[in-house]
Amino acid sequence: MLQSVLTHTCSLELLRPLISCVVLLFLGYHFGALFSISTRQRPNTLDLHGFYVNEALKALQQVLQMAAKGSHLVVVTGRGIHSVNNTARVKPAVISYLRQHGYRFQELNAGTLKVLCR
């Protein structure tokens, strides 16, 4: 299950070590790769579709640590329509994480947040 998740937040050369590490960690954990880089689609976007909550929070934390200060990161959490009982789990966890760590963000729509990186 190859899923495009992370589009570069800075130059591709700076992200290669992170992506390599993430791919190695998650390839053995899942049947397919969870992360791939796409420089053509949605720059500065972290797509968390298909992630479990703990995986989503780890990915968010890593990307926010690498993001340039003052830049914006679009975080696609989805609306939870494919979750058990159609109840979102990733989005509330992401919002809680952002609040606990003092990030400013706004909700762009029901399944997308825009985060101000610091």
Protein backbone atom coordinates (compact mmCIF):
# COMPACT_ATOMS: atom_id res chain seq x y z
CA MET A 1 0.00 0.00 0.00
CA LEU A 2 2.04 2.92 -1.29
CA GLN A 3 0.64 6.20 -0.07
CA SER A 4 1.83 9.68 -0.83
CA VAL A 5 2.04 11.31 2.56
CA LEU A 6 4.65 13.99 2.82
CA THR A 7 5.47 16.68 0.33
CA HIS A 8 8.70 18.52 1.01
CA THR A 9 8.80 21.27 3.63
CA CYS A 10 12.26 22.34 2.51
CA SER A 11 14.67 21.18 -0.16
CA LEU A 12 14.46 17.53 -1.11
CA GLU A 13 18.14 17.03 -0.27
CA LEU A 14 17.53 18.01 3.35
CA LEU A 15 14.61 15.60 3.65
CA ARG A 16 16.27 12.51 2.18
CA PRO A 17 17.79 11.30 5.49
CA LEU A 18 14.45 11.67 7.28
CA ILE A 19 12.53 9.94 4.52
CA SER A 20 15.02 7.09 4.34
CA CYS A 21 14.76 6.54 8.07
CA VAL A 22 10.98 6.70 8.09
CA VAL A 23 10.65 4.35 5.14
CA LEU A 24 12.95 1.79 6.74
CA LEU A 25 11.07 1.94 10.02
CA PHE A 26 7.62 1.60 8.54
CA LEU A 27 8.25 -0.84 5.70
CA GLY A 28 8.69 -3.65 8.17
CA TYR A 29 5.70 -2.49 10.19
CA HIS A 30 3.20 -2.33 7.34
CA PHE A 31 2.71 -4.21 4.11
CA GLY A 32 3.55 -1.12 2.10
CA ALA A 33 5.41 2.12 2.40
CA LEU A 34 3.66 4.85 4.32
CA PHE A 35 5.84 7.73 3.24
CA SER A 36 6.86 8.93 -0.15
CA ILE A 37 8.04 12.28 -1.43
CA SER A 38 6.23 14.10 -4.17
CA THR A 39 7.64 17.44 -5.26
CA ARG A 40 4.79 18.05 -7.71
CA GLN A 41 1.76 17.72 -5.47
CA ARG A 42 0.74 19.90 -2.55
CA PRO A 43 3.96 21.46 -1.28
CA ASN A 44 4.30 21.77 2.51
CA THR A 45 1.62 19.16 3.11
CA LEU A 46 1.51 16.22 5.49
CA ASP A 47 -1.23 13.77 4.50
CA LEU A 48 -2.19 11.50 7.39
CA HIS A 49 -4.88 9.47 5.63
CA GLY A 50 -4.62 5.82 6.63
CA PHE A 51 -2.45 6.45 9.69
CA TYR A 52 -3.19 5.20 13.16
CA VAL A 53 -3.14 7.94 15.81
CA ASN A 54 0.31 7.09 17.20
CA GLU A 55 1.83 6.96 13.69
CA ALA A 56 0.20 10.26 12.75
CA LEU A 57 1.53 12.03 15.83
CA LYS A 58 5.06 10.72 15.27
CA ALA A 59 5.01 11.89 11.65
CA LEU A 60 3.61 15.29 12.65
CA GLN A 61 6.26 15.75 15.32
CA GLN A 62 9.09 14.91 12.91
CA VAL A 63 7.83 17.20 10.17
CA LEU A 64 7.23 20.12 12.53
CA GLN A 65 10.77 19.77 13.91
CA MET A 66 12.19 20.07 10.40
CA ALA A 67 9.90 22.82 9.11
CA ALA A 68 11.27 26.30 8.60
CA LYS A 69 10.28 28.83 11.25
CA GLY A 70 7.40 30.98 10.08
CA SER A 71 6.39 28.60 7.31
CA HIS A 72 3.00 26.95 7.12
CA LEU A 73 2.31 23.24 7.06
CA VAL A 74 -0.98 21.90 5.75
CA VAL A 75 -1.96 18.78 7.70
CA VAL A 76 -4.58 16.59 6.04
CA THR A 77 -6.19 14.46 8.74
CA GLY A 78 -9.30 13.42 6.90
CA ARG A 79 -12.78 13.59 8.37
CA GLY A 80 -12.85 10.10 9.86
CA ILE A 81 -15.44 8.70 7.47
CA HIS A 82 -13.47 5.47 7.10
CA SER A 83 -12.97 5.08 10.86
CA VAL A 84 -15.05 2.85 13.09
CA ASN A 85 -18.48 4.47 13.58
CA ASN A 86 -17.36 7.28 11.22
CA THR A 87 -15.67 8.92 14.20
CA ALA A 88 -12.47 10.84 13.53
CA ARG A 89 -9.56 9.79 15.72
CA VAL A 90 -6.53 11.35 14.04
CA LYS A 91 -7.84 14.90 13.77
CA PRO A 92 -8.72 15.31 17.48
CA ALA A 93 -5.34 13.84 18.44
CA VAL A 94 -3.51 16.21 16.08
CA ILE A 95 -5.41 19.22 17.41
CA SER A 96 -4.66 18.16 20.98
CA TYR A 97 -0.95 17.76 20.15
CA LEU A 98 -0.79 21.18 18.49
CA ARG A 99 -2.50 22.87 21.44
CA GLN A 100 -0.34 21.11 24.03
CA HIS A 101 2.81 22.20 22.21
CA GLY A 102 1.72 25.79 21.61
CA TYR A 103 1.31 25.71 17.83
CA ARG A 104 -1.04 28.17 16.16
CA PHE A 105 -3.31 26.61 13.56
CA GLN A 106 -6.54 27.11 11.73
CA GLU A 107 -9.04 24.65 10.34
CA LEU A 108 -9.23 24.99 6.55
CA ASN A 109 -12.06 22.48 6.23
CA ALA A 110 -13.44 19.42 8.03
CA GLY A 111 -10.33 17.35 7.33
CA THR A 112 -7.49 19.86 6.92
CA LEU A 113 -5.50 22.10 9.27
CA LYS A 114 -3.00 24.84 8.48
CA VAL A 115 -0.22 25.05 11.09
CA LEU A 116 2.17 27.95 11.64
CA CYS A 117 5.60 26.38 12.18
CA ARG A 118 7.90 27.76 14.85
